Amino acid sequence: MQNTLVEARLWLAQRASAAVLGICVVVHLITIIYATRGGLSAAEILARTRGNGAWLAFYVVFVLAVAVHVPIGLRAIAVEWLGWRSRAGDALLITFSFALVAMGFGAIWGLFF
């Protein structure tokens, strides 16, 4: 029963993070298209993002959605293709999730501060 509950929660987290990522990717791409068609330079883009709480919040949500979505997806692939069902494997993917958060927040730091 416990394993079934964990799998159901992972499934739900995967789908919810996919929905958030879908929205984030669309907003991100629209922003890129707007910036490049508007002829904004990198310096002008940074001037608009530095200190902007809305963009900071957006990219924090984006990074957190990636950190949830990717490791769960990799776990599903590892279980299906490799038959990988171990606590050590899960621990490795949790560590990978924290690494994604650290790298993402590092990029956010560079963009906003």
C-alpha atoms as a PDB file:
ATOM      1  CA  MET A   1       0.000   0.000   0.000  1.00  0.00           C
ATOM      2  CA  GLN A   2       2.768   2.452   0.955  1.00  0.00           C
ATOM      3  CA  ASN A   3       4.597   1.938  -2.353  1.00  0.00           C
ATOM      4  CA  THR A   4       1.380   2.504  -4.300  1.00  0.00           C
ATOM      5  CA  LEU A   5       0.793   5.781  -2.465  1.00  0.00           C
ATOM      6  CA  VAL A   6       4.345   6.953  -3.193  1.00  0.00           C
ATOM      7  CA  GLU A   7       3.967   6.055  -6.882  1.00  0.00           C
ATOM      8  CA  ALA A   8       0.640   7.894  -7.076  1.00  0.00           C
ATOM      9  CA  ARG A   9       2.152  11.006  -5.497  1.00  0.00           C
ATOM     10  CA  LEU A  10       5.098  10.886  -7.878  1.00  0.00           C
ATOM     11  CA  TRP A  11       2.721  10.515 -10.816  1.00  0.00           C
ATOM     12  CA  LEU A  12       0.723  13.531  -9.636  1.00  0.00           C
ATOM     13  CA  ALA A  13       3.872  15.608  -9.045  1.00  0.00           C
ATOM     14  CA  GLN A  14       5.106  14.706 -12.534  1.00  0.00           C
ATOM     15  CA  ARG A  15       1.863  15.816 -14.163  1.00  0.00           C
ATOM     16  CA  ALA A  16       1.507  18.997 -12.074  1.00  0.00           C
ATOM     17  CA  SER A  17       5.104  20.024 -12.756  1.00  0.00           C
ATOM     18  CA  ALA A  18       4.542  19.345 -16.471  1.00  0.00           C
ATOM     19  CA  ALA A  19       1.586  21.732 -16.464  1.00  0.00           C
ATOM     20  CA  VAL A  20       3.635  24.431 -14.730  1.00  0.00           C
ATOM     21  CA  LEU A  21       6.566  23.838 -17.087  1.00  0.00           C
ATOM     22  CA  GLY A  22       4.308  24.137 -20.111  1.00  0.00           C
ATOM     23  CA  ILE A  23       3.192  27.580 -19.027  1.00  0.00           C
ATOM     24  CA  CYS A  24       6.727  28.632 -18.052  1.00  0.00           C
ATOM     25  CA  VAL A  25       8.211  27.529 -21.374  1.00  0.00           C
ATOM     26  CA  VAL A  26       5.569  29.422 -23.351  1.00  0.00           C
ATOM     27  CA  VAL A  27       6.120  32.614 -21.314  1.00  0.00           C
ATOM     28  CA  HIS A  28       9.889  32.222 -21.603  1.00  0.00           C
ATOM     29  CA  LEU A  29       9.761  31.734 -25.391  1.00  0.00           C
ATOM     30  CA  ILE A  30       7.389  34.662 -25.882  1.00  0.00           C
ATOM     31  CA  THR A  31       9.738  36.814 -23.823  1.00  0.00           C
ATOM     32  CA  ILE A  32      12.733  35.721 -25.918  1.00  0.00           C
ATOM     33  CA  ILE A  33      10.890  36.477 -29.157  1.00  0.00           C
ATOM     34  CA  TYR A  34       9.757  39.872 -27.830  1.00  0.00           C
ATOM     35  CA  ALA A  35      13.270  40.767 -26.689  1.00  0.00           C
ATOM     36  CA  THR A  36      15.030  39.694 -29.871  1.00  0.00           C
ATOM     37  CA  ARG A  37      12.506  41.254 -32.235  1.00  0.00           C
ATOM     38  CA  GLY A  38      12.642  44.427 -30.194  1.00  0.00           C
ATOM     39  CA  GLY A  39      16.397  44.509 -30.681  1.00  0.00           C
ATOM     40  CA  LEU A  40      17.172  44.484 -26.971  1.00  0.00           C
ATOM     41  CA  SER A  41      20.799  43.913 -26.057  1.00  0.00           C
ATOM     42  CA  ALA A  42      21.892  41.644 -23.233  1.00  0.00           C
ATOM     43  CA  ALA A  43      22.613  44.721 -21.127  1.00  0.00           C
ATOM     44  CA  GLU A  44      19.093  46.059 -21.738  1.00  0.00           C
ATOM     45  CA  ILE A  45      17.536  42.711 -20.835  1.00  0.00           C
ATOM     46  CA  LEU A  46      19.552  42.542 -17.611  1.00  0.00           C
ATOM     47  CA  ALA A  47      18.563  46.124 -16.798  1.00  0.00           C
ATOM     48  CA  ARG A  48      14.910  45.072 -17.022  1.00  0.00           C
ATOM     49  CA  THR A  49      15.287  41.920 -14.940  1.00  0.00           C
ATOM     50  CA  ARG A  50      17.571  43.144 -12.163  1.00  0.00           C
ATOM     51  CA  GLY A  51      15.521  43.792  -9.064  1.00  0.00           C
ATOM     52  CA  ASN A  52      12.240  42.847 -10.782  1.00  0.00           C
ATOM     53  CA  GLY A  53      10.341  40.722  -8.266  1.00  0.00           C
ATOM     54  CA  ALA A  54       7.864  39.394 -10.820  1.00  0.00           C
ATOM     55  CA  TRP A  55      10.577  37.920 -13.039  1.00  0.00           C
ATOM     56  CA  LEU A  56      12.396  36.613  -9.982  1.00  0.00           C
ATOM     57  CA  ALA A  57       9.249  34.799  -8.816  1.00  0.00           C
ATOM     58  CA  PHE A  58       8.601  33.466 -12.320  1.00  0.00           C
ATOM     59  CA  TYR A  59      12.071  31.977 -12.684  1.00  0.00           C
ATOM     60  CA  VAL A  60      12.047  30.526  -9.155  1.00  0.00           C
ATOM     61  CA  VAL A  61       8.821  28.687 -10.044  1.00  0.00           C
ATOM     62  CA  PHE A  62      10.387  27.607 -13.356  1.00  0.00           C
ATOM     63  CA  VAL A  63      13.481  26.167 -11.625  1.00  0.00           C
ATOM     64  CA  LEU A  64      11.457  24.392  -8.954  1.00  0.00           C
ATOM     65  CA  ALA A  65       9.182  22.835 -11.586  1.00  0.00           C
ATOM     66  CA  VAL A  66      12.245  21.550 -13.461  1.00  0.00           C
ATOM     67  CA  ALA A  67      13.729  20.177 -10.228  1.00  0.00           C
ATOM     68  CA  VAL A  68      10.532  18.199  -9.587  1.00  0.00           C
ATOM     69  CA  HIS A  69       9.793  17.102 -13.140  1.00  0.00           C
ATOM     70  CA  VAL A  70      13.162  15.929 -14.434  1.00  0.00           C
ATOM     71  CA  PRO A  71      14.220  13.532 -11.654  1.00  0.00           C
ATOM     72  CA  ILE A  72      10.794  11.875 -11.559  1.00  0.00           C
ATOM     73  CA  GLY A  73      10.931  11.400 -15.314  1.00  0.00           C
ATOM     74  CA  LEU A  74      14.448   9.977 -15.126  1.00  0.00           C
ATOM     75  CA  ARG A  75      13.310   7.634 -12.352  1.00  0.00           C
ATOM     76  CA  ALA A  76      10.451   6.367 -14.523  1.00  0.00           C
ATOM     77  CA  ILE A  77      12.859   5.754 -17.408  1.00  0.00           C
ATOM     78  CA  ALA A  78      15.349   3.971 -15.129  1.00  0.00           C
ATOM     79  CA  VAL A  79      12.614   1.744 -13.693  1.00  0.00           C
ATOM     80  CA  GLU A  80      11.155   0.895 -17.099  1.00  0.00           C
ATOM     81  CA  TRP A  81      14.341   0.411 -19.098  1.00  0.00           C
ATOM     82  CA  LEU A  82      16.799  -0.763 -16.454  1.00  0.00           C
ATOM     83  CA  GLY A  83      14.533  -2.319 -13.849  1.00  0.00           C
ATOM     84  CA  TRP A  84      16.108   0.099 -11.359  1.00  0.00           C
ATOM     85  CA  ARG A  85      14.076  -0.018  -8.132  1.00  0.00           C
ATOM     86  CA  SER A  86      16.298   0.907  -5.230  1.00  0.00           C
ATOM     87  CA  ARG A  87      16.540   3.403  -2.419  1.00  0.00           C
ATOM     88  CA  ALA A  88      20.067   4.256  -3.579  1.00  0.00           C
ATOM     89  CA  GLY A  89      18.733   5.155  -7.017  1.00  0.00           C
ATOM     90  CA  ASP A  90      16.017   7.302  -5.505  1.00  0.00           C
ATOM     91  CA  ALA A  91      18.606   9.005  -3.286  1.00  0.00           C
ATOM     92  CA  LEU A  92      20.766   9.709  -6.335  1.00  0.00           C
ATOM     93  CA  LEU A  93      17.836  11.322  -8.137  1.00  0.00           C
ATOM     94  CA  ILE A  94      16.951  13.401  -5.068  1.00  0.00           C
ATOM     95  CA  THR A  95      20.565  14.594  -5.017  1.00  0.00           C
ATOM     96  CA  PHE A  96      20.260  15.405  -8.728  1.00  0.00           C
ATOM     97  CA  SER A  97      17.120  17.406  -7.969  1.00  0.00           C
ATOM     98  CA  PHE A  98      19.004  19.472  -5.401  1.00  0.00           C
ATOM     99  CA  ALA A  99      21.791  20.000  -7.945  1.00  0.00           C
ATOM    100  CA  LEU A 100      19.226  21.301 -10.456  1.00  0.00           C
ATOM    101  CA  VAL A 101      17.898  23.721  -7.827  1.00  0.00           C
ATOM    102  CA  ALA A 102      21.416  24.906  -7.009  1.00  0.00           C
ATOM    103  CA  MET A 103      22.307  25.464 -10.662  1.00  0.00           C
ATOM    104  CA  GLY A 104      18.980  27.130 -11.405  1.00  0.00           C
ATOM    105  CA  PHE A 105      19.210  29.441  -8.425  1.00  0.00           C
ATOM    106  CA  GLY A 106      22.779  30.262  -9.463  1.00  0.00           C
ATOM    107  CA  ALA A 107      21.469  31.384 -12.842  1.00  0.00           C
ATOM    108  CA  ILE A 108      18.682  33.340 -11.167  1.00  0.00           C
ATOM    109  CA  TRP A 109      21.219  35.013  -8.888  1.00  0.00           C
ATOM    110  CA  GLY A 110      23.249  36.114 -11.909  1.00  0.00           C
ATOM    111  CA  LEU A 111      20.175  37.427 -13.668  1.00  0.00           C
ATOM    112  CA  PHE A 112      18.577  39.365 -10.830  1.00  0.00           C
ATOM    113  CA  PHE A 113      21.269  40.452  -8.382  1.00  0.00           C
END
